[in-house]
């Protein structure tokens, strides 16, 4: 982002998980709102685990949804079809099948914490969404995470060292606690201008209204 860019800037904090489909839907809606309002975002991603006790081997996604939400197979398929259609409309491809799995994401959040200091957190977040939802890769696996790191323009060896050192375990836990202690229990949760919270994928129009409110107050 060039310092000479005349467009206004709004700070937006997004609490999310990389295996949350509504998080990438919400971001794509937000991105469209930013474009339509001709506004730039100072964007920061914050960690949230939908399933913090998920085992290393993960779980079949359809089984997990049935256990967690009581969804029938037909309801689950309807939800997948709806997400796929939304994704297509927003330029993001969801690929679901009977073998899709939900996995543990704590290692991914540690790398996102590391990437923030490298100035590449946002590209890594998008690479992780693509790896999981589009390419159906297991983002709990180190090799998959390092592929996403490389796709985001970051150094694989440095990322591996950061992960193996454990240096980002405590900071990631602290950030999770910060948001949950403030009542965040669902994602995506977006905070506009440090003031206005919107939870869930609220749609482009709603995000445009939030941006306009921030800009009006800053004027």
C-alpha atoms as a PDB file:
ATOM      1  CA  UNK A   1       0.000   0.000   0.000  1.00  0.00           C
ATOM      2  CA  UNK A   2       1.674   3.194  -1.174  1.00  0.00           C
ATOM      3  CA  UNK A   3       1.756   6.105   1.261  1.00  0.00           C
ATOM      4  CA  UNK A   4       0.678   8.401  -1.585  1.00  0.00           C
ATOM      5  CA  UNK A   5      -2.590   6.516  -2.081  1.00  0.00           C
ATOM      6  CA  UNK A   6      -5.324   9.092  -1.466  1.00  0.00           C
ATOM      7  CA  UNK A   7      -8.003   6.599  -0.489  1.00  0.00           C
ATOM      8  CA  UNK A   8      -9.183   6.602   3.140  1.00  0.00           C
ATOM      9  CA  UNK A   9      -8.093   3.754   5.399  1.00  0.00           C
ATOM     10  CA  UNK A  10     -10.265   1.890   7.906  1.00  0.00           C
ATOM     11  CA  UNK A  11      -8.832  -0.461  10.523  1.00  0.00           C
ATOM     12  CA  UNK A  12     -10.580  -3.832  10.444  1.00  0.00           C
ATOM     13  CA  UNK A  13      -9.835  -6.668  12.852  1.00  0.00           C
ATOM     14  CA  UNK A  14     -11.119 -10.113  11.846  1.00  0.00           C
ATOM     15  CA  UNK A  15     -11.310 -12.949  14.358  1.00  0.00           C
ATOM     16  CA  UNK A  16     -11.513 -16.201  12.409  1.00  0.00           C
ATOM     17  CA  UNK A  17     -10.457 -19.784  11.851  1.00  0.00           C
ATOM     18  CA  UNK A  18      -8.943 -21.119   8.640  1.00  0.00           C
ATOM     19  CA  UNK A  19     -11.448 -24.007   8.507  1.00  0.00           C
ATOM     20  CA  UNK A  20     -14.462 -21.697   8.847  1.00  0.00           C
ATOM     21  CA  UNK A  21     -16.179 -21.383   5.443  1.00  0.00           C
ATOM     22  CA  UNK A  22     -18.143 -18.314   6.507  1.00  0.00           C
ATOM     23  CA  UNK A  23     -14.861 -16.570   7.327  1.00  0.00           C
ATOM     24  CA  UNK A  24     -13.679 -16.608   3.723  1.00  0.00           C
ATOM     25  CA  UNK A  25     -17.204 -15.776   2.524  1.00  0.00           C
ATOM     26  CA  UNK A  26     -17.307 -12.823   4.928  1.00  0.00           C
ATOM     27  CA  UNK A  27     -13.892 -11.635   3.839  1.00  0.00           C
ATOM     28  CA  UNK A  28     -14.824 -11.800   0.159  1.00  0.00           C
ATOM     29  CA  UNK A  29     -17.966  -9.791   0.901  1.00  0.00           C
ATOM     30  CA  UNK A  30     -15.871  -7.281   2.840  1.00  0.00           C
ATOM     31  CA  UNK A  31     -13.326  -7.043   0.040  1.00  0.00           C
ATOM     32  CA  UNK A  32     -16.110  -6.274  -2.413  1.00  0.00           C
ATOM     33  CA  UNK A  33     -17.456  -3.585  -0.059  1.00  0.00           C
ATOM     34  CA  UNK A  34     -14.005  -2.005   0.165  1.00  0.00           C
ATOM     35  CA  UNK A  35     -13.750  -1.899  -3.615  1.00  0.00           C
ATOM     36  CA  UNK A  36     -17.207  -0.434  -4.051  1.00  0.00           C
ATOM     37  CA  UNK A  37     -16.557   2.244  -1.426  1.00  0.00           C
ATOM     38  CA  UNK A  38     -13.029   2.902  -2.776  1.00  0.00           C
ATOM     39  CA  UNK A  39     -11.599   2.396   0.700  1.00  0.00           C
ATOM     40  CA  UNK A  40      -8.420   0.706   1.902  1.00  0.00           C
ATOM     41  CA  UNK A  41      -8.293  -1.532   4.971  1.00  0.00           C
ATOM     42  CA  UNK A  42      -5.636  -1.855   7.625  1.00  0.00           C
ATOM     43  CA  UNK A  43      -6.492  -5.514   8.082  1.00  0.00           C
ATOM     44  CA  UNK A  44      -5.456  -7.744  10.971  1.00  0.00           C
ATOM     45  CA  UNK A  45      -6.431 -11.395  11.409  1.00  0.00           C
ATOM     46  CA  UNK A  46      -6.821 -12.823  14.910  1.00  0.00           C
ATOM     47  CA  UNK A  47      -6.918 -16.474  16.019  1.00  0.00           C
ATOM     48  CA  UNK A  48      -9.997 -18.468  16.921  1.00  0.00           C
ATOM     49  CA  UNK A  49     -10.291 -22.262  16.997  1.00  0.00           C
ATOM     50  CA  UNK A  50     -13.698 -23.662  16.135  1.00  0.00           C
ATOM     51  CA  UNK A  51     -12.598 -26.992  17.565  1.00  0.00           C
ATOM     52  CA  UNK A  52      -9.701 -26.491  20.006  1.00  0.00           C
ATOM     53  CA  UNK A  53      -9.878 -30.093  21.244  1.00  0.00           C
ATOM     54  CA  UNK A  54      -9.878 -31.625  17.753  1.00  0.00           C
ATOM     55  CA  UNK A  55      -7.614 -34.677  17.646  1.00  0.00           C
ATOM     56  CA  UNK A  56      -4.549 -34.760  15.372  1.00  0.00           C
ATOM     57  CA  UNK A  57      -6.256 -37.121  12.908  1.00  0.00           C
ATOM     58  CA  UNK A  58      -9.257 -34.810  12.542  1.00  0.00           C
ATOM     59  CA  UNK A  59     -12.792 -36.009  11.780  1.00  0.00           C
ATOM     60  CA  UNK A  60     -14.999 -36.526   8.768  1.00  0.00           C
ATOM     61  CA  UNK A  61     -16.642 -33.163   8.169  1.00  0.00           C
ATOM     62  CA  UNK A  62     -20.168 -34.466   7.632  1.00  0.00           C
ATOM     63  CA  UNK A  63     -19.958 -36.585  10.811  1.00  0.00           C
ATOM     64  CA  UNK A  64     -18.571 -33.639  12.739  1.00  0.00           C
ATOM     65  CA  UNK A  65     -21.386 -31.310  11.641  1.00  0.00           C
ATOM     66  CA  UNK A  66     -23.976 -33.939  12.544  1.00  0.00           C
ATOM     67  CA  UNK A  67     -22.494 -34.379  16.027  1.00  0.00           C
ATOM     68  CA  UNK A  68     -21.961 -30.692  16.714  1.00  0.00           C
ATOM     69  CA  UNK A  69     -25.109 -29.192  15.230  1.00  0.00           C
ATOM     70  CA  UNK A  70     -27.468 -32.139  14.796  1.00  0.00           C
ATOM     71  CA  UNK A  71     -27.637 -31.650  11.032  1.00  0.00           C
ATOM     72  CA  UNK A  72     -29.092 -34.392   8.882  1.00  0.00           C
ATOM     73  CA  UNK A  73     -27.201 -35.523   5.746  1.00  0.00           C
ATOM     74  CA  UNK A  74     -29.714 -33.627   3.618  1.00  0.00           C
ATOM     75  CA  UNK A  75     -29.253 -30.433   5.643  1.00  0.00           C
ATOM     76  CA  UNK A  76     -25.487 -30.820   5.458  1.00  0.00           C
ATOM     77  CA  UNK A  77     -25.591 -31.187   1.686  1.00  0.00           C
ATOM     78  CA  UNK A  78     -27.892 -28.196   1.370  1.00  0.00           C
ATOM     79  CA  UNK A  79     -25.441 -26.103   3.407  1.00  0.00           C
ATOM     80  CA  UNK A  80     -22.542 -27.236   1.219  1.00  0.00           C
ATOM     81  CA  UNK A  81     -24.441 -26.404  -1.947  1.00  0.00           C
ATOM     82  CA  UNK A  82     -25.296 -22.960  -0.587  1.00  0.00           C
ATOM     83  CA  UNK A  83     -21.679 -22.261   0.368  1.00  0.00           C
ATOM     84  CA  UNK A  84     -20.452 -23.453  -3.024  1.00  0.00           C
ATOM     85  CA  UNK A  85     -22.881 -21.122  -4.783  1.00  0.00           C
ATOM     86  CA  UNK A  86     -21.894 -18.197  -2.559  1.00  0.00           C
ATOM     87  CA  UNK A  87     -18.233 -18.920  -3.146  1.00  0.00           C
ATOM     88  CA  UNK A  88     -18.714 -19.007  -6.917  1.00  0.00           C
ATOM     89  CA  UNK A  89     -20.494 -15.651  -6.798  1.00  0.00           C
ATOM     90  CA  UNK A  90     -17.606 -14.187  -4.787  1.00  0.00           C
ATOM     91  CA  UNK A  91     -14.785 -15.722  -6.820  1.00  0.00           C
ATOM     92  CA  UNK A  92     -13.804 -18.426  -4.336  1.00  0.00           C
ATOM     93  CA  UNK A  93     -14.045 -22.143  -5.008  1.00  0.00           C
ATOM     94  CA  UNK A  94     -15.301 -24.536  -2.333  1.00  0.00           C
ATOM     95  CA  UNK A  95     -14.690 -28.211  -3.053  1.00  0.00           C
ATOM     96  CA  UNK A  96     -16.558 -30.534  -0.710  1.00  0.00           C
ATOM     97  CA  UNK A  97     -16.929 -34.297  -0.944  1.00  0.00           C
ATOM     98  CA  UNK A  98     -17.757 -37.230   1.311  1.00  0.00           C
ATOM     99  CA  UNK A  99     -14.123 -37.446   2.440  1.00  0.00           C
ATOM    100  CA  UNK A 100     -13.796 -33.783   3.498  1.00  0.00           C
ATOM    101  CA  UNK A 101     -12.382 -33.515   7.016  1.00  0.00           C
ATOM    102  CA  UNK A 102     -12.282 -30.968   9.813  1.00  0.00           C
ATOM    103  CA  UNK A 103      -8.811 -30.669  11.339  1.00  0.00           C
ATOM    104  CA  UNK A 104      -6.915 -29.035  14.177  1.00  0.00           C
ATOM    105  CA  UNK A 105      -5.760 -25.513  13.309  1.00  0.00           C
ATOM    106  CA  UNK A 106      -3.544 -24.431  16.192  1.00  0.00           C
ATOM    107  CA  UNK A 107      -0.299 -24.832  14.212  1.00  0.00           C
ATOM    108  CA  UNK A 108      -1.784 -22.740  11.398  1.00  0.00           C
ATOM    109  CA  UNK A 109      -2.614 -19.971  13.873  1.00  0.00           C
ATOM    110  CA  UNK A 110       0.945 -20.053  15.214  1.00  0.00           C
ATOM    111  CA  UNK A 111       2.289 -19.508  11.702  1.00  0.00           C
ATOM    112  CA  UNK A 112      -0.166 -16.673  11.141  1.00  0.00           C
ATOM    113  CA  UNK A 113       1.164 -15.075  14.316  1.00  0.00           C
ATOM    114  CA  UNK A 114       4.700 -15.468  12.962  1.00  0.00           C
ATOM    115  CA  UNK A 115       3.726 -14.146   9.529  1.00  0.00           C
ATOM    116  CA  UNK A 116       2.277 -10.968  11.018  1.00  0.00           C
ATOM    117  CA  UNK A 117       5.771  -9.872  12.063  1.00  0.00           C
ATOM    118  CA  UNK A 118       6.946 -10.596   8.514  1.00  0.00           C
ATOM    119  CA  UNK A 119       4.251  -8.355   7.044  1.00  0.00           C
ATOM    120  CA  UNK A 120       2.705 -11.306   5.179  1.00  0.00           C
ATOM    121  CA  UNK A 121      -0.097 -12.445   7.468  1.00  0.00           C
ATOM    122  CA  UNK A 122      -2.891 -11.619   5.024  1.00  0.00           C
ATOM    123  CA  UNK A 123      -1.421 -13.526   2.044  1.00  0.00           C
ATOM    124  CA  UNK A 124      -0.799 -16.524   4.303  1.00  0.00           C
ATOM    125  CA  UNK A 125      -4.368 -16.457   5.614  1.00  0.00           C
ATOM    126  CA  UNK A 126      -5.731 -16.500   2.063  1.00  0.00           C
ATOM    127  CA  UNK A 127      -3.315 -19.271   1.071  1.00  0.00           C
ATOM    128  CA  UNK A 128      -4.541 -21.377   3.984  1.00  0.00           C
ATOM    129  CA  UNK A 129      -8.189 -20.854   3.023  1.00  0.00           C
ATOM    130  CA  UNK A 130      -7.363 -21.981  -0.512  1.00  0.00           C
ATOM    131  CA  UNK A 131      -5.346 -24.969   0.665  1.00  0.00           C
ATOM    132  CA  UNK A 132      -8.161 -26.221   2.885  1.00  0.00           C
ATOM    133  CA  UNK A 133     -11.331 -25.387   1.004  1.00  0.00           C
ATOM    134  CA  UNK A 134     -10.272 -25.384  -2.641  1.00  0.00           C
ATOM    135  CA  UNK A 135      -7.455 -27.931  -2.688  1.00  0.00           C
ATOM    136  CA  UNK A 136      -8.833 -30.112   0.154  1.00  0.00           C
ATOM    137  CA  UNK A 137      -5.493 -30.274   1.922  1.00  0.00           C
ATOM    138  CA  UNK A 138      -4.971 -31.048   5.613  1.00  0.00           C
ATOM    139  CA  UNK A 139      -3.874 -27.750   7.163  1.00  0.00           C
ATOM    140  CA  UNK A 140      -2.840 -29.500  10.371  1.00  0.00           C
ATOM    141  CA  UNK A 141       0.089 -31.082   8.506  1.00  0.00           C
ATOM    142  CA  UNK A 142       3.429 -29.283   8.582  1.00  0.00           C
ATOM    143  CA  UNK A 143       4.185 -29.907   4.914  1.00  0.00           C
ATOM    144  CA  UNK A 144       0.843 -28.409   3.865  1.00  0.00           C
ATOM    145  CA  UNK A 145       1.387 -25.394   6.102  1.00  0.00           C
ATOM    146  CA  UNK A 146       4.841 -24.828   4.650  1.00  0.00           C
ATOM    147  CA  UNK A 147       3.447 -25.019   1.119  1.00  0.00           C
ATOM    148  CA  UNK A 148       1.001 -22.256   2.085  1.00  0.00           C
ATOM    149  CA  UNK A 149       3.863 -20.282   3.601  1.00  0.00           C
ATOM    150  CA  UNK A 150       5.770 -20.534   0.341  1.00  0.00           C
ATOM    151  CA  UNK A 151       2.688 -19.566  -1.682  1.00  0.00           C
ATOM    152  CA  UNK A 152       2.404 -16.460   0.498  1.00  0.00           C
ATOM    153  CA  UNK A 153       5.962 -15.420  -0.354  1.00  0.00           C
ATOM    154  CA  UNK A 154       7.503 -16.453   2.957  1.00  0.00           C
ATOM    155  CA  UNK A 155      10.541 -18.593   3.726  1.00  0.00           C
ATOM    156  CA  UNK A 156       9.790 -22.279   4.378  1.00  0.00           C
ATOM    157  CA  UNK A 157      12.833 -22.889   6.566  1.00  0.00           C
ATOM    158  CA  UNK A 158      12.170 -19.836   8.712  1.00  0.00           C
ATOM    159  CA  UNK A 159       8.538 -20.879   9.104  1.00  0.00           C
ATOM    160  CA  UNK A 160       9.517 -24.407  10.074  1.00  0.00           C
ATOM    161  CA  UNK A 161      11.942 -23.058  12.657  1.00  0.00           C
ATOM    162  CA  UNK A 162       9.286 -20.734  14.070  1.00  0.00           C
ATOM    163  CA  UNK A 163       6.844 -23.622  14.383  1.00  0.00           C
ATOM    164  CA  UNK A 164       9.329 -26.069  15.883  1.00  0.00           C
ATOM    165  CA  UNK A 165      10.601 -23.525  18.404  1.00  0.00           C
ATOM    166  CA  UNK A 166       7.203 -23.167  20.059  1.00  0.00           C
ATOM    167  CA  UNK A 167       7.815 -19.426  20.284  1.00  0.00           C
ATOM    168  CA  UNK A 168       4.333 -18.610  19.010  1.00  0.00           C
ATOM    169  CA  UNK A 169       2.358 -20.965  21.231  1.00  0.00           C
ATOM    170  CA  UNK A 170       1.909 -18.548  24.149  1.00  0.00           C
ATOM    171  CA  UNK A 171       1.291 -15.429  22.013  1.00  0.00           C
ATOM    172  CA  UNK A 172      -1.357 -17.289  20.011  1.00  0.00           C
ATOM    173  CA  UNK A 173      -3.082 -18.539  23.167  1.00  0.00           C
ATOM    174  CA  UNK A 174      -2.980 -15.027  24.620  1.00  0.00           C
ATOM    175  CA  UNK A 175      -4.628 -13.571  21.531  1.00  0.00           C
ATOM    176  CA  UNK A 176      -7.312 -16.242  21.560  1.00  0.00           C
ATOM    177  CA  UNK A 177      -8.015 -15.489  25.214  1.00  0.00           C
ATOM    178  CA  UNK A 178      -8.136 -11.747  24.532  1.00  0.00           C
ATOM    179  CA  UNK A 179     -11.006 -12.130  22.089  1.00  0.00           C
ATOM    180  CA  UNK A 180     -12.953 -14.861  23.866  1.00  0.00           C
ATOM    181  CA  UNK A 181     -12.765 -12.871  27.107  1.00  0.00           C
ATOM    182  CA  UNK A 182     -14.486 -10.052  25.263  1.00  0.00           C
ATOM    183  CA  UNK A 183     -17.405 -12.221  24.293  1.00  0.00           C
ATOM    184  CA  UNK A 184     -16.324 -13.487  20.881  1.00  0.00           C
ATOM    185  CA  UNK A 185     -17.828 -16.958  20.543  1.00  0.00           C
ATOM    186  CA  UNK A 186     -18.478 -17.184  16.804  1.00  0.00           C
ATOM    187  CA  UNK A 187     -16.616 -16.310  13.640  1.00  0.00           C
ATOM    188  CA  UNK A 188     -16.077 -14.395  11.539  1.00  0.00           C
ATOM    189  CA  UNK A 189     -16.203 -11.493  13.971  1.00  0.00           C
ATOM    190  CA  UNK A 190     -15.146  -8.194  12.424  1.00  0.00           C
ATOM    191  CA  UNK A 191     -14.391  -5.029  14.363  1.00  0.00           C
ATOM    192  CA  UNK A 192     -14.512  -1.845  12.300  1.00  0.00           C
ATOM    193  CA  UNK A 193     -12.476   1.129  13.443  1.00  0.00           C
ATOM    194  CA  UNK A 194     -11.901  -0.460  16.829  1.00  0.00           C
ATOM    195  CA  UNK A 195     -15.574   0.156  17.689  1.00  0.00           C
ATOM    196  CA  UNK A 196     -18.198  -1.688  15.709  1.00  0.00           C
ATOM    197  CA  UNK A 197     -18.558  -5.464  15.881  1.00  0.00           C
ATOM    198  CA  UNK A 198     -20.257  -7.517  13.201  1.00  0.00           C
ATOM    199  CA  UNK A 199     -20.459 -11.282  13.699  1.00  0.00           C
ATOM    200  CA  UNK A 200     -21.063 -13.727  10.868  1.00  0.00           C
ATOM    201  CA  UNK A 201     -20.834 -13.148   7.136  1.00  0.00           C
ATOM    202  CA  UNK A 202     -23.086 -10.106   7.043  1.00  0.00           C
ATOM    203  CA  UNK A 203     -23.051  -9.328   3.325  1.00  0.00           C
ATOM    204  CA  UNK A 204     -21.520  -6.611   1.195  1.00  0.00           C
ATOM    205  CA  UNK A 205     -24.222  -4.030   1.876  1.00  0.00           C
ATOM    206  CA  UNK A 206     -23.830  -4.307   5.655  1.00  0.00           C
ATOM    207  CA  UNK A 207     -20.059  -4.003   5.395  1.00  0.00           C
ATOM    208  CA  UNK A 208     -20.440  -0.941   3.193  1.00  0.00           C
ATOM    209  CA  UNK A 209     -22.615   0.658   5.877  1.00  0.00           C
ATOM    210  CA  UNK A 210     -19.995  -0.077   8.545  1.00  0.00           C
ATOM    211  CA  UNK A 211     -17.267   1.449   6.377  1.00  0.00           C
ATOM    212  CA  UNK A 212     -19.381   4.542   5.733  1.00  0.00           C
ATOM    213  CA  UNK A 213     -19.993   4.950   9.454  1.00  0.00           C
ATOM    214  CA  UNK A 214     -16.273   4.813  10.194  1.00  0.00           C
ATOM    215  CA  UNK A 215     -15.487   7.298   7.437  1.00  0.00           C
ATOM    216  CA  UNK A 216     -18.202   9.705   8.573  1.00  0.00           C
ATOM    217  CA  UNK A 217     -16.891   9.684  12.131  1.00  0.00           C
ATOM    218  CA  UNK A 218     -13.332  10.227  10.913  1.00  0.00           C
ATOM    219  CA  UNK A 219     -14.281  13.187   8.735  1.00  0.00           C
END
